[in-house]
N, C-alpha and C. Protein backbone atom coordinates (compact mmCIF):
# COMPACT_ATOMS: atom_id res chain seq x y z
N UNK A 1 34.08 173.99 61.20
CA UNK A 1 32.94 172.93 60.79
C UNK A 1 33.31 172.53 59.42
N UNK A 2 33.62 171.23 58.90
CA UNK A 2 33.79 171.03 57.44
C UNK A 2 33.36 169.57 56.95
N UNK A 3 33.01 169.40 55.98
CA UNK A 3 32.35 168.09 55.47
C UNK A 3 33.56 167.61 54.48
N UNK A 4 34.47 166.49 55.09
CA UNK A 4 35.53 165.95 54.23
C UNK A 4 34.93 164.81 53.40
N UNK A 5 35.28 165.12 52.26
CA UNK A 5 34.29 164.75 51.21
C UNK A 5 34.90 163.16 51.00
N UNK A 6 36.03 162.81 51.21
CA UNK A 6 36.65 161.49 51.05
C UNK A 6 36.15 160.73 52.36
N UNK A 7 35.58 160.94 53.33
CA UNK A 7 34.66 160.19 54.25
C UNK A 7 33.67 159.39 53.71
N UNK A 8 32.86 159.79 52.86
CA UNK A 8 31.73 159.43 52.30
C UNK A 8 31.68 158.59 51.03
N UNK A 9 31.54 157.18 51.53
CA UNK A 9 31.66 156.11 50.67
C UNK A 9 30.73 156.29 49.35
N UNK A 10 29.76 157.09 49.35
CA UNK A 10 28.97 157.41 47.83
C UNK A 10 29.80 157.68 46.83
N UNK A 11 31.05 158.42 47.26
CA UNK A 11 31.92 159.32 46.20
C UNK A 11 33.16 158.17 45.89
N UNK A 12 33.34 157.24 46.46
CA UNK A 12 34.22 156.42 46.09
C UNK A 12 34.18 155.40 44.80
N UNK A 13 32.64 155.59 44.30
CA UNK A 13 32.59 154.79 43.19
C UNK A 13 33.13 155.71 41.64
N UNK A 14 32.63 155.15 40.75
CA UNK A 14 33.25 155.93 39.52
C UNK A 14 32.17 156.98 39.13
N UNK A 15 30.88 157.12 39.73
CA UNK A 15 30.13 158.15 39.63
C UNK A 15 29.20 157.90 38.23
N UNK A 16 29.15 158.91 37.44
CA UNK A 16 29.10 160.17 37.75
C UNK A 16 28.23 160.89 38.80
N UNK A 17 28.58 162.01 39.42
CA UNK A 17 27.86 162.75 40.54
C UNK A 17 27.87 164.13 40.32
N UNK A 18 26.73 164.59 40.79
CA UNK A 18 26.72 166.04 40.83
C UNK A 18 26.61 166.53 42.32
N UNK A 19 27.49 167.51 42.62
CA UNK A 19 27.66 167.91 44.07
C UNK A 19 27.26 169.45 44.10
N UNK A 20 26.70 169.82 45.02
CA UNK A 20 26.32 171.09 45.39
C UNK A 20 27.17 171.49 46.51
N UNK A 21 28.23 172.36 46.45
CA UNK A 21 28.94 172.65 47.56
C UNK A 21 28.43 173.63 48.54
N UNK A 22 28.11 173.54 49.59
CA UNK A 22 27.73 175.00 50.19
C UNK A 22 28.73 175.87 50.42
N UNK A 23 28.56 177.18 50.43
CA UNK A 23 29.64 177.97 50.61
C UNK A 23 30.02 178.24 52.19
N UNK A 24 31.50 178.45 52.20
CA UNK A 24 31.93 178.51 53.39
C UNK A 24 31.35 179.15 54.55
N UNK A 25 30.86 180.52 54.22
CA UNK A 25 30.25 181.61 54.95
C UNK A 25 28.91 181.10 55.63
N UNK A 26 28.31 180.15 55.01
CA UNK A 26 26.98 179.70 55.38
C UNK A 26 27.14 178.95 56.95
N UNK A 27 28.39 178.09 56.92
CA UNK A 27 28.61 177.59 58.23
C UNK A 27 29.12 178.64 59.56
N UNK A 28 29.83 179.75 59.03
CA UNK A 28 30.08 180.81 59.97
C UNK A 28 28.95 181.53 60.62
N UNK A 29 27.83 181.38 59.56
CA UNK A 29 26.60 182.10 60.24
C UNK A 29 25.63 181.55 60.93
N UNK A 30 25.95 180.02 61.25
CA UNK A 30 25.02 179.22 61.90
C UNK A 30 25.27 179.22 63.37
N UNK A 31 24.43 179.03 64.32
CA UNK A 31 24.56 178.97 65.68
C UNK A 31 25.22 177.69 66.15
N UNK A 32 25.50 177.44 67.27
CA UNK A 32 26.15 176.29 67.72
C UNK A 32 25.20 175.16 67.97
N UNK A 33 23.99 175.57 67.98
CA UNK A 33 22.95 174.28 68.12
C UNK A 33 22.64 173.90 66.73
N UNK A 34 22.47 174.88 65.73
CA UNK A 34 22.47 174.62 64.18
C UNK A 34 23.89 173.64 63.75
N UNK A 35 24.66 174.06 64.05
CA UNK A 35 26.10 173.33 63.79
C UNK A 35 26.11 171.87 64.60
N UNK A 36 25.59 171.73 65.77
CA UNK A 36 25.46 170.63 66.46
C UNK A 36 24.68 169.57 65.85
N UNK A 37 23.31 170.16 65.27
CA UNK A 37 22.33 169.38 64.41
C UNK A 37 23.05 168.84 63.20
N UNK A 38 23.73 169.60 62.21
CA UNK A 38 24.22 169.22 61.23
C UNK A 38 25.36 168.19 61.42
N UNK A 39 26.04 168.34 62.60
CA UNK A 39 27.14 167.21 62.74
C UNK A 39 26.39 165.88 63.08
N UNK A 40 25.54 166.01 63.74
CA UNK A 40 24.77 164.95 64.17
C UNK A 40 24.10 164.13 63.00
N UNK A 41 23.64 164.97 62.11
CA UNK A 41 22.84 164.36 60.92
C UNK A 41 23.86 164.43 59.64
N UNK A 42 25.14 164.58 59.82
CA UNK A 42 26.04 165.09 58.74
C UNK A 42 25.93 163.96 57.46
N UNK A 43 25.67 162.71 57.60
CA UNK A 43 25.40 161.90 56.35
C UNK A 43 24.17 162.23 55.66
N UNK A 44 23.18 162.46 56.14
CA UNK A 44 22.07 163.16 55.75
C UNK A 44 22.17 164.33 54.83
N UNK A 45 23.07 165.43 55.70
CA UNK A 45 23.17 166.46 55.09
C UNK A 45 24.13 166.35 53.79
N UNK A 46 25.01 165.61 53.76
CA UNK A 46 26.00 165.27 52.79
C UNK A 46 24.89 164.62 51.57
N UNK A 47 24.26 163.88 51.85
CA UNK A 47 23.42 163.20 50.79
C UNK A 47 22.44 164.03 50.11
N UNK A 48 21.98 165.12 50.98
CA UNK A 48 21.27 166.05 50.54
C UNK A 48 21.67 166.90 49.29
N UNK A 49 23.18 167.34 49.31
CA UNK A 49 23.91 167.88 48.35
C UNK A 49 24.46 167.24 47.03
N UNK A 50 24.13 165.75 47.06
CA UNK A 50 24.96 164.87 45.90
C UNK A 50 23.53 164.50 45.03
N UNK A 51 23.90 164.35 44.01
CA UNK A 51 22.82 163.70 42.80
C UNK A 51 23.86 162.56 42.23
N UNK A 52 23.18 161.41 42.53
CA UNK A 52 24.17 160.02 42.12
C UNK A 52 23.74 159.62 40.64
N UNK A 53 24.74 159.14 40.01
CA UNK A 53 24.87 158.42 38.54
C UNK A 53 23.95 159.89 37.46
N UNK A 54 24.48 160.76 38.00
CA UNK A 54 24.37 162.17 36.65
C UNK A 54 24.97 163.11 36.79
N UNK A 55 25.27 163.52 35.86
CA UNK A 55 26.49 164.79 35.72
C UNK A 55 25.72 165.91 34.94
N UNK A 56 25.03 166.51 35.74
CA UNK A 56 24.36 167.71 35.65
C UNK A 56 25.10 169.20 35.36
N UNK A 57 25.42 169.68 34.45
CA UNK A 57 25.86 170.87 34.18
C UNK A 57 24.80 171.80 34.18
N UNK A 58 25.13 173.09 34.38
CA UNK A 58 24.13 174.08 34.50
C UNK A 58 22.67 174.13 33.46
N UNK A 59 23.33 173.83 32.44
CA UNK A 59 22.23 173.71 31.43
C UNK A 59 20.94 172.74 31.55
N UNK A 60 21.83 171.81 32.03
CA UNK A 60 20.96 170.56 32.13
C UNK A 60 20.08 170.55 33.49
N UNK A 61 20.61 171.43 34.50
CA UNK A 61 19.59 171.60 35.87
C UNK A 61 18.53 172.33 35.38
N UNK A 62 18.76 173.44 34.40
CA UNK A 62 17.35 174.38 34.20
C UNK A 62 16.51 173.58 32.98
N UNK A 63 17.05 172.64 32.30
CA UNK A 63 16.36 172.07 31.26
C UNK A 63 15.23 171.00 31.87
N UNK A 64 16.00 170.03 33.01
CA UNK A 64 15.43 169.21 33.32
C UNK A 64 14.45 169.55 34.68
N UNK A 65 14.89 170.64 35.26
CA UNK A 65 14.12 171.41 36.30
C UNK A 65 14.16 170.87 37.70
N UNK A 66 14.28 169.66 37.50
CA UNK A 66 14.55 168.74 39.18
C UNK A 66 15.57 167.59 39.12
N UNK A 67 15.83 167.05 40.51
CA UNK A 67 16.61 165.89 40.46
C UNK A 67 16.19 165.38 41.79
N UNK A 68 16.49 164.10 41.94
CA UNK A 68 16.25 163.56 43.44
C UNK A 68 17.70 163.21 44.09
N UNK A 69 17.95 164.07 45.30
CA UNK A 69 19.33 163.95 45.74
C UNK A 69 19.50 162.56 46.39
N UNK A 70 20.79 162.28 46.68
CA UNK A 70 21.08 160.76 47.36
C UNK A 70 20.14 160.47 48.60
N UNK A 71 19.70 161.56 49.21
CA UNK A 71 18.91 161.57 50.55
C UNK A 71 17.55 161.28 50.31
N UNK A 72 17.38 161.04 48.87
CA UNK A 72 15.88 160.95 48.65
C UNK A 72 14.90 162.38 48.31
N UNK A 73 15.60 163.45 48.84
CA UNK A 73 14.98 164.53 48.62
C UNK A 73 14.92 165.21 47.07
N UNK A 74 13.68 165.97 46.89
CA UNK A 74 13.51 166.31 45.51
C UNK A 74 14.51 167.68 45.57
N UNK A 75 15.19 167.88 44.72
CA UNK A 75 15.71 169.26 44.20
C UNK A 75 15.20 169.84 42.98
N UNK A 76 14.94 171.14 43.21
CA UNK A 76 14.11 171.91 42.10
C UNK A 76 15.17 173.18 41.55
N UNK A 77 15.30 173.07 40.48
CA UNK A 77 16.25 174.16 39.74
C UNK A 77 15.51 175.15 39.12
N UNK A 78 15.64 176.40 39.28
CA UNK A 78 15.20 177.55 38.48
C UNK A 78 16.16 178.57 38.19
N UNK A 79 15.92 179.54 37.63
CA UNK A 79 16.74 180.89 37.10
C UNK A 79 15.78 181.95 37.45
N UNK A 80 16.57 182.88 38.11
CA UNK A 80 15.98 184.12 38.39
C UNK A 80 17.30 185.09 38.43
N UNK A 81 16.99 186.17 37.98
CA UNK A 81 18.01 187.18 37.61
C UNK A 81 19.27 186.74 37.15
N UNK A 82 19.29 185.63 36.21
CA UNK A 82 20.63 185.35 35.57
C UNK A 82 21.53 184.13 36.55
N UNK A 83 20.74 183.84 37.64
CA UNK A 83 21.31 182.83 38.42
C UNK A 83 20.46 181.65 38.63
N UNK A 84 21.05 180.46 38.95
CA UNK A 84 20.37 179.36 39.22
C UNK A 84 20.21 179.29 40.69
N UNK A 85 19.03 178.54 40.91
CA UNK A 85 18.64 178.58 42.51
C UNK A 85 17.95 177.25 42.57
N UNK A 86 18.62 176.69 43.88
CA UNK A 86 18.35 175.19 44.24
C UNK A 86 17.07 175.43 45.12
N UNK A 87 15.97 174.80 44.81
CA UNK A 87 14.71 174.85 45.74
C UNK A 87 14.24 176.37 46.27
N UNK A 88 14.55 177.31 45.15
CA UNK A 88 14.16 178.69 45.23
C UNK A 88 14.85 179.50 46.44
N UNK A 89 16.00 178.60 46.92
CA UNK A 89 16.55 179.23 48.04
C UNK A 89 17.99 179.48 47.99
N UNK A 90 18.89 178.52 47.51
CA UNK A 90 20.32 178.83 47.46
C UNK A 90 20.59 178.90 46.05
N UNK A 91 21.29 180.24 46.05
CA UNK A 91 21.93 180.63 44.84
C UNK A 91 23.14 179.85 44.41
N UNK A 92 23.23 179.36 43.06
CA UNK A 92 24.41 178.50 42.74
C UNK A 92 25.45 180.03 42.01
N UNK A 93 26.52 180.13 42.82
CA UNK A 93 27.46 181.29 42.65
C UNK A 93 28.43 180.85 41.66
N UNK A 94 28.89 179.77 41.28
CA UNK A 94 29.88 179.20 40.50
C UNK A 94 29.46 177.85 40.07
N UNK A 95 29.35 177.34 38.68
CA UNK A 95 29.00 176.15 38.42
C UNK A 95 29.78 175.71 37.31
N UNK A 96 29.77 174.19 37.08
CA UNK A 96 30.33 173.63 35.93
C UNK A 96 31.54 173.28 36.22
N UNK A 97 31.90 172.80 37.34
CA UNK A 97 33.44 172.63 37.55
C UNK A 97 33.69 171.13 37.43
N UNK A 98 34.51 170.99 36.63
CA UNK A 98 34.74 169.51 36.11
C UNK A 98 35.52 168.66 37.37
N UNK A 99 35.18 167.58 37.69
CA UNK A 99 35.92 166.80 38.72
C UNK A 99 36.16 165.39 38.03
N UNK A 100 37.09 164.53 38.61
CA UNK A 100 37.01 163.23 37.96
C UNK A 100 35.91 162.63 37.64
N UNK A 101 35.32 162.60 38.57
CA UNK A 101 33.89 161.49 38.51
C UNK A 101 32.66 162.37 38.52
N UNK A 102 32.53 163.55 38.15
CA UNK A 102 31.48 164.45 38.15
C UNK A 102 31.67 165.94 38.03
N UNK A 103 30.43 166.83 38.44
CA UNK A 103 30.45 168.02 38.34
C UNK A 103 30.39 168.85 39.75
N UNK A 104 30.75 169.70 40.04
CA UNK A 104 30.63 170.71 41.01
C UNK A 104 30.08 171.96 40.85
N UNK A 105 28.94 172.20 41.70
CA UNK A 105 28.22 173.84 41.93
C UNK A 105 28.44 174.43 43.05
N UNK A 106 28.97 175.45 43.21
CA UNK A 106 29.23 176.15 44.56
C UNK A 106 28.14 177.05 44.70
């Protein structure tokens, strides 16, 4: 299972974008039912991982504390034990990767 980023029209513009890329291991730990739900709602899942019109580096995430994803969902950023967390759940393991039209966080 993979999300091919070029399929999403939201990324075809100039940006800037901030994208939170899920770790590949996450998908391998999901059940077939969970994977099927993600596939059925892949556009929404993708939009949940993107903040449009903003280039947010790690220090910006912590300073601002929140942003709204393209899906409309609020994203909260916090720091714990030297790591950035998304909605107090997902840990950012690698951040501030420059892309042509934005920033990637893994």
